[in-house]
């Protein structure tokens, strides 16, 4: 699916509840820290989604 940015973006948004690669960060890097493939699909929309919604234990506390 090389080059299918919208599909990759949807995949990352759907994975939010169980994939927390940025839990310890206060910002999502836009450059070489990310795998080259992820860098392409980590759009501004994905960054905003991951940085403004609770994840992991923090999300579980909100549901308790």
PDB file of N, CA and C in Angstrom:
ATOM      1  N   UNK A   1       0.819  -1.192   0.000  1.00  0.00           N
ATOM      2  CA  UNK A   1       0.000   0.000   0.000  1.00  0.00           C
ATOM      3  C   UNK A   1       0.864   1.258   0.000  1.00  0.00           C
ATOM      4  N   UNK A   2       2.047   1.142  -0.522  1.00  0.00           N
ATOM      5  CA  UNK A   2       2.960   2.273  -0.539  1.00  0.00           C
ATOM      6  C   UNK A   2       2.303   3.493  -1.176  1.00  0.00           C
ATOM      7  N   UNK A   3       2.416   4.615  -0.505  1.00  0.00           N
ATOM      8  CA  UNK A   3       1.868   5.857  -1.009  1.00  0.00           C
ATOM      9  C   UNK A   3       0.420   6.114  -0.627  1.00  0.00           C
ATOM     10  N   UNK A   4      -0.199   5.187   0.088  1.00  0.00           N
ATOM     11  CA  UNK A   4      -1.608   5.346   0.473  1.00  0.00           C
ATOM     12  C   UNK A   4      -1.673   6.031   1.837  1.00  0.00           C
ATOM     13  N   UNK A   5      -1.384   7.330   1.846  1.00  0.00           N
ATOM     14  CA  UNK A   5      -1.336   8.106   3.087  1.00  0.00           C
ATOM     15  C   UNK A   5      -2.679   8.087   3.818  1.00  0.00           C
ATOM     16  N   UNK A   6      -3.797   8.317   3.150  1.00  0.00           N
ATOM     17  CA  UNK A   6      -5.079   8.309   3.875  1.00  0.00           C
ATOM     18  C   UNK A   6      -5.355   6.976   4.584  1.00  0.00           C
ATOM     19  N   UNK A   7      -5.013   5.877   3.954  1.00  0.00           N
ATOM     20  CA  UNK A   7      -5.242   4.570   4.590  1.00  0.00           C
ATOM     21  C   UNK A   7      -4.334   4.397   5.817  1.00  0.00           C
ATOM     22  N   UNK A   8      -3.080   4.799   5.699  1.00  0.00           N
ATOM     23  CA  UNK A   8      -2.165   4.720   6.832  1.00  0.00           C
ATOM     24  C   UNK A   8      -2.607   5.611   7.976  1.00  0.00           C
ATOM     25  N   UNK A   9      -3.084   6.784   7.642  1.00  0.00           N
ATOM     26  CA  UNK A   9      -3.589   7.710   8.654  1.00  0.00           C
ATOM     27  C   UNK A   9      -4.776   7.080   9.390  1.00  0.00           C
ATOM     28  N   UNK A  10      -5.703   6.490   8.650  1.00  0.00           N
ATOM     29  CA  UNK A  10      -6.859   5.825   9.279  1.00  0.00           C
ATOM     30  C   UNK A  10      -6.414   4.678  10.178  1.00  0.00           C
ATOM     31  N   UNK A  11      -5.388   3.939   9.761  1.00  0.00           N
ATOM     32  CA  UNK A  11      -4.874   2.834  10.562  1.00  0.00           C
ATOM     33  C   UNK A  11      -4.333   3.344  11.903  1.00  0.00           C
ATOM     34  N   UNK A  12      -3.550   4.414  11.876  1.00  0.00           N
ATOM     35  CA  UNK A  12      -3.007   4.961  13.120  1.00  0.00           C
ATOM     36  C   UNK A  12      -4.111   5.499  14.022  1.00  0.00           C
ATOM     37  N   UNK A  13      -5.099   6.150  13.452  1.00  0.00           N
ATOM     38  CA  UNK A  13      -6.209   6.663  14.257  1.00  0.00           C
ATOM     39  C   UNK A  13      -6.989   5.514  14.889  1.00  0.00           C
ATOM     40  N   UNK A  14      -7.201   4.443  14.146  1.00  0.00           N
ATOM     41  CA  UNK A  14      -7.935   3.285  14.671  1.00  0.00           C
ATOM     42  C   UNK A  14      -7.144   2.557  15.752  1.00  0.00           C
ATOM     43  N   UNK A  15      -5.820   2.630  15.699  1.00  0.00           N
ATOM     44  CA  UNK A  15      -4.971   1.925  16.661  1.00  0.00           C
ATOM     45  C   UNK A  15      -4.799   2.684  17.972  1.00  0.00           C
ATOM     46  N   UNK A  16      -5.333   3.878  18.071  1.00  0.00           N
ATOM     47  CA  UNK A  16      -5.099   4.741  19.230  1.00  0.00           C
ATOM     48  C   UNK A  16      -5.375   4.059  20.565  1.00  0.00           C
ATOM     49  N   UNK A  17      -6.412   3.263  20.657  1.00  0.00           N
ATOM     50  CA  UNK A  17      -6.792   2.643  21.935  1.00  0.00           C
ATOM     51  C   UNK A  17      -5.805   1.576  22.400  1.00  0.00           C
ATOM     52  N   UNK A  18      -5.000   1.027  21.493  1.00  0.00           N
ATOM     53  CA  UNK A  18      -4.111  -0.068  21.902  1.00  0.00           C
ATOM     54  C   UNK A  18      -2.647   0.123  21.515  1.00  0.00           C
ATOM     55  N   UNK A  19      -2.313   1.207  20.873  1.00  0.00           N
ATOM     56  CA  UNK A  19      -0.931   1.443  20.447  1.00  0.00           C
ATOM     57  C   UNK A  19      -0.494   2.794  20.975  1.00  0.00           C
ATOM     58  N   UNK A  20       0.471   2.807  21.866  1.00  0.00           N
ATOM     59  CA  UNK A  20       0.867   4.035  22.568  1.00  0.00           C
ATOM     60  C   UNK A  20       2.340   4.365  22.382  1.00  0.00           C
ATOM     61  N   UNK A  21       2.801   4.527  21.186  1.00  0.00           N
ATOM     62  CA  UNK A  21       4.230   4.755  20.989  1.00  0.00           C
ATOM     63  C   UNK A  21       4.716   6.086  21.530  1.00  0.00           C
ATOM     64  N   UNK A  22       3.805   7.008  21.761  1.00  0.00           N
ATOM     65  CA  UNK A  22       4.208   8.355  22.173  1.00  0.00           C
ATOM     66  C   UNK A  22       3.825   8.666  23.611  1.00  0.00           C
ATOM     67  N   UNK A  23       3.523   7.632  24.412  1.00  0.00           N
ATOM     68  CA  UNK A  23       2.993   7.854  25.753  1.00  0.00           C
ATOM     69  C   UNK A  23       3.917   8.723  26.610  1.00  0.00           C
ATOM     70  N   UNK A  24       5.215   8.585  26.487  1.00  0.00           N
ATOM     71  CA  UNK A  24       6.156   9.325  27.336  1.00  0.00           C
ATOM     72  C   UNK A  24       6.522  10.693  26.764  1.00  0.00           C
ATOM     73  N   UNK A  25       6.034  11.017  25.597  1.00  0.00           N
ATOM     74  CA  UNK A  25       6.434  12.259  24.948  1.00  0.00           C
ATOM     75  C   UNK A  25       5.351  13.310  25.079  1.00  0.00           C
ATOM     76  N   UNK A  26       5.754  14.557  25.058  1.00  0.00           N
ATOM     77  CA  UNK A  26       4.765  15.633  25.059  1.00  0.00           C
ATOM     78  C   UNK A  26       4.596  16.207  23.650  1.00  0.00           C
ATOM     79  N   UNK A  27       5.288  15.626  22.697  1.00  0.00           N
ATOM     80  CA  UNK A  27       5.146  16.014  21.296  1.00  0.00           C
ATOM     81  C   UNK A  27       5.511  14.822  20.423  1.00  0.00           C
ATOM     82  N   UNK A  28       4.919  14.738  19.267  1.00  0.00           N
ATOM     83  CA  UNK A  28       5.251  13.664  18.336  1.00  0.00           C
ATOM     84  C   UNK A  28       6.230  14.232  17.324  1.00  0.00           C
ATOM     85  N   UNK A  29       7.411  13.653  17.245  1.00  0.00           N
ATOM     86  CA  UNK A  29       8.404  14.185  16.316  1.00  0.00           C
ATOM     87  C   UNK A  29       7.964  14.007  14.874  1.00  0.00           C
ATOM     88  N   UNK A  30       8.421  14.905  14.042  1.00  0.00           N
ATOM     89  CA  UNK A  30       8.044  14.857  12.631  1.00  0.00           C
ATOM     90  C   UNK A  30       9.172  14.317  11.769  1.00  0.00           C
ATOM     91  N   UNK A  31      10.294  14.010  12.376  1.00  0.00           N
ATOM     92  CA  UNK A  31      11.440  13.665  11.554  1.00  0.00           C
ATOM     93  C   UNK A  31      12.073  12.326  11.884  1.00  0.00           C
ATOM     94  N   UNK A  32      13.380  12.205  11.770  1.00  0.00           N
ATOM     95  CA  UNK A  32      14.059  10.924  11.743  1.00  0.00           C
ATOM     96  C   UNK A  32      13.800   9.965  12.899  1.00  0.00           C
ATOM     97  N   UNK A  33      13.231  10.413  13.982  1.00  0.00           N
ATOM     98  CA  UNK A  33      12.974   9.505  15.096  1.00  0.00           C
ATOM     99  C   UNK A  33      11.985   8.425  14.671  1.00  0.00           C
ATOM    100  N   UNK A  34      11.032   8.788  13.851  1.00  0.00           N
ATOM    101  CA  UNK A  34      10.021   7.838  13.402  1.00  0.00           C
ATOM    102  C   UNK A  34      10.542   6.973  12.265  1.00  0.00           C
ATOM    103  N   UNK A  35       9.994   5.765  12.169  1.00  0.00           N
ATOM    104  CA  UNK A  35      10.304   4.919  11.027  1.00  0.00           C
ATOM    105  C   UNK A  35       9.895   5.673   9.762  1.00  0.00           C
ATOM    106  N   UNK A  36      10.629   5.507   8.690  1.00  0.00           N
ATOM    107  CA  UNK A  36      10.303   6.248   7.462  1.00  0.00           C
ATOM    108  C   UNK A  36       8.852   6.081   7.010  1.00  0.00           C
ATOM    109  N   UNK A  37       8.298   4.884   7.138  1.00  0.00           N
ATOM    110  CA  UNK A  37       6.913   4.670   6.709  1.00  0.00           C
ATOM    111  C   UNK A  37       5.948   5.402   7.617  1.00  0.00           C
ATOM    112  N   UNK A  38       6.169   5.334   8.930  1.00  0.00           N
ATOM    113  CA  UNK A  38       5.278   6.024   9.860  1.00  0.00           C
ATOM    114  C   UNK A  38       5.367   7.532   9.706  1.00  0.00           C
ATOM    115  N   UNK A  39       6.536   8.016   9.384  1.00  0.00           N
ATOM    116  CA  UNK A  39       6.717   9.454   9.213  1.00  0.00           C
ATOM    117  C   UNK A  39       5.747  10.001   8.163  1.00  0.00           C
ATOM    118  N   UNK A  40       5.502   9.236   7.119  1.00  0.00           N
ATOM    119  CA  UNK A  40       4.620   9.693   6.044  1.00  0.00           C
ATOM    120  C   UNK A  40       3.166   9.790   6.483  1.00  0.00           C
ATOM    121  N   UNK A  41       2.737   8.876   7.345  1.00  0.00           N
ATOM    122  CA  UNK A  41       1.321   8.853   7.729  1.00  0.00           C
ATOM    123  C   UNK A  41       1.044   9.561   9.054  1.00  0.00           C
ATOM    124  N   UNK A  42       2.087  10.031   9.731  1.00  0.00           N
ATOM    125  CA  UNK A  42       1.880  10.794  10.958  1.00  0.00           C
ATOM    126  C   UNK A  42       1.618  12.244  10.562  1.00  0.00           C
ATOM    127  N   UNK A  43       0.426  12.458  10.094  1.00  0.00           N
ATOM    128  CA  UNK A  43       0.001  13.770   9.607  1.00  0.00           C
ATOM    129  C   UNK A  43      -0.357  14.673  10.788  1.00  0.00           C
ATOM    130  N   UNK A  44      -0.625  15.923  10.507  1.00  0.00           N
ATOM    131  CA  UNK A  44      -1.044  16.845  11.564  1.00  0.00           C
ATOM    132  C   UNK A  44      -2.303  16.333  12.257  1.00  0.00           C
ATOM    133  N   UNK A  45      -3.204  15.743  11.499  1.00  0.00           N
ATOM    134  CA  UNK A  45      -4.442  15.199  12.076  1.00  0.00           C
ATOM    135  C   UNK A  45      -4.132  14.062  13.060  1.00  0.00           C
ATOM    136  N   UNK A  46      -3.212  13.171  12.695  1.00  0.00           N
ATOM    137  CA  UNK A  46      -2.823  12.062  13.577  1.00  0.00           C
ATOM    138  C   UNK A  46      -2.147  12.611  14.833  1.00  0.00           C
ATOM    139  N   UNK A  47      -1.236  13.563  14.677  1.00  0.00           N
ATOM    140  CA  UNK A  47      -0.562  14.171  15.835  1.00  0.00           C
ATOM    141  C   UNK A  47      -1.586  14.759  16.802  1.00  0.00           C
ATOM    142  N   UNK A  48      -2.507  15.536  16.274  1.00  0.00           N
ATOM    143  CA  UNK A  48      -3.511  16.164  17.128  1.00  0.00           C
ATOM    144  C   UNK A  48      -4.328  15.102  17.865  1.00  0.00           C
ATOM    145  N   UNK A  49      -4.712  14.058  17.163  1.00  0.00           N
ATOM    146  CA  UNK A  49      -5.510  12.982  17.766  1.00  0.00           C
ATOM    147  C   UNK A  49      -4.752  12.333  18.932  1.00  0.00           C
ATOM    148  N   UNK A  50      -3.486  11.985  18.703  1.00  0.00           N
ATOM    149  CA  UNK A  50      -2.703  11.304  19.737  1.00  0.00           C
ATOM    150  C   UNK A  50      -2.343  12.225  20.902  1.00  0.00           C
ATOM    151  N   UNK A  51      -2.188  13.497  20.648  1.00  0.00           N
ATOM    152  CA  UNK A  51      -1.759  14.410  21.707  1.00  0.00           C
ATOM    153  C   UNK A  51      -2.907  15.030  22.493  1.00  0.00           C
ATOM    154  N   UNK A  52      -4.134  14.862  22.049  1.00  0.00           N
ATOM    155  CA  UNK A  52      -5.252  15.485  22.752  1.00  0.00           C
ATOM    156  C   UNK A  52      -6.219  14.483  23.361  1.00  0.00           C
ATOM    157  N   UNK A  53      -5.944  13.197  23.216  1.00  0.00           N
ATOM    158  CA  UNK A  53      -6.813  12.169  23.796  1.00  0.00           C
ATOM    159  C   UNK A  53      -5.995  11.291  24.728  1.00  0.00           C
ATOM    160  N   UNK A  54      -6.537  10.960  25.904  1.00  0.00           N
ATOM    161  CA  UNK A  54      -5.803  10.115  26.836  1.00  0.00           C
ATOM    162  C   UNK A  54      -5.533   8.732  26.248  1.00  0.00           C
ATOM    163  N   UNK A  55      -4.405   8.139  26.664  1.00  0.00           N
ATOM    164  CA  UNK A  55      -4.041   6.796  26.218  1.00  0.00           C
ATOM    165  C   UNK A  55      -3.613   5.956  27.406  1.00  0.00           C
ATOM    166  N   UNK A  56      -3.563   4.668  27.218  1.00  0.00           N
ATOM    167  CA  UNK A  56      -3.057   3.758  28.232  1.00  0.00           C
ATOM    168  C   UNK A  56      -3.755   3.894  29.561  1.00  0.00           C
ATOM    169  N   UNK A  57      -2.994   3.847  30.649  1.00  0.00           N
ATOM    170  CA  UNK A  57      -3.569   3.927  31.993  1.00  0.00           C
ATOM    171  C   UNK A  57      -4.369   5.209  32.213  1.00  0.00           C
ATOM    172  N   UNK A  58      -3.936   6.302  31.608  1.00  0.00           N
ATOM    173  CA  UNK A  58      -4.646   7.576  31.749  1.00  0.00           C
ATOM    174  C   UNK A  58      -6.064   7.465  31.170  1.00  0.00           C
ATOM    175  N   UNK A  59      -6.212   6.790  30.061  1.00  0.00           N
ATOM    176  CA  UNK A  59      -7.532   6.598  29.449  1.00  0.00           C
ATOM    177  C   UNK A  59      -8.384   5.681  30.312  1.00  0.00           C
ATOM    178  N   UNK A  60      -7.771   4.652  30.892  1.00  0.00           N
ATOM    179  CA  UNK A  60      -8.508   3.711  31.744  1.00  0.00           C
ATOM    180  C   UNK A  60      -9.044   4.420  32.984  1.00  0.00           C
ATOM    181  N   UNK A  61      -8.263   5.335  33.543  1.00  0.00           N
ATOM    182  CA  UNK A  61      -8.700   6.083  34.724  1.00  0.00           C
ATOM    183  C   UNK A  61      -9.923   6.927  34.401  1.00  0.00           C
ATOM    184  N   UNK A  62      -9.962   7.483  33.203  1.00  0.00           N
ATOM    185  CA  UNK A  62     -11.092   8.305  32.797  1.00  0.00           C
ATOM    186  C   UNK A  62     -12.365   7.503  32.617  1.00  0.00           C
ATOM    187  N   UNK A  63     -12.227   6.206  32.376  1.00  0.00           N
ATOM    188  CA  UNK A  63     -13.392   5.342  32.186  1.00  0.00           C
ATOM    189  C   UNK A  63     -13.843   4.681  33.474  1.00  0.00           C
ATOM    190  N   UNK A  64     -13.087   4.848  34.537  1.00  0.00           N
ATOM    191  CA  UNK A  64     -13.411   4.162  35.798  1.00  0.00           C
ATOM    192  C   UNK A  64     -14.517   4.866  36.544  1.00  0.00           C
TER     193      UNK A  64
END
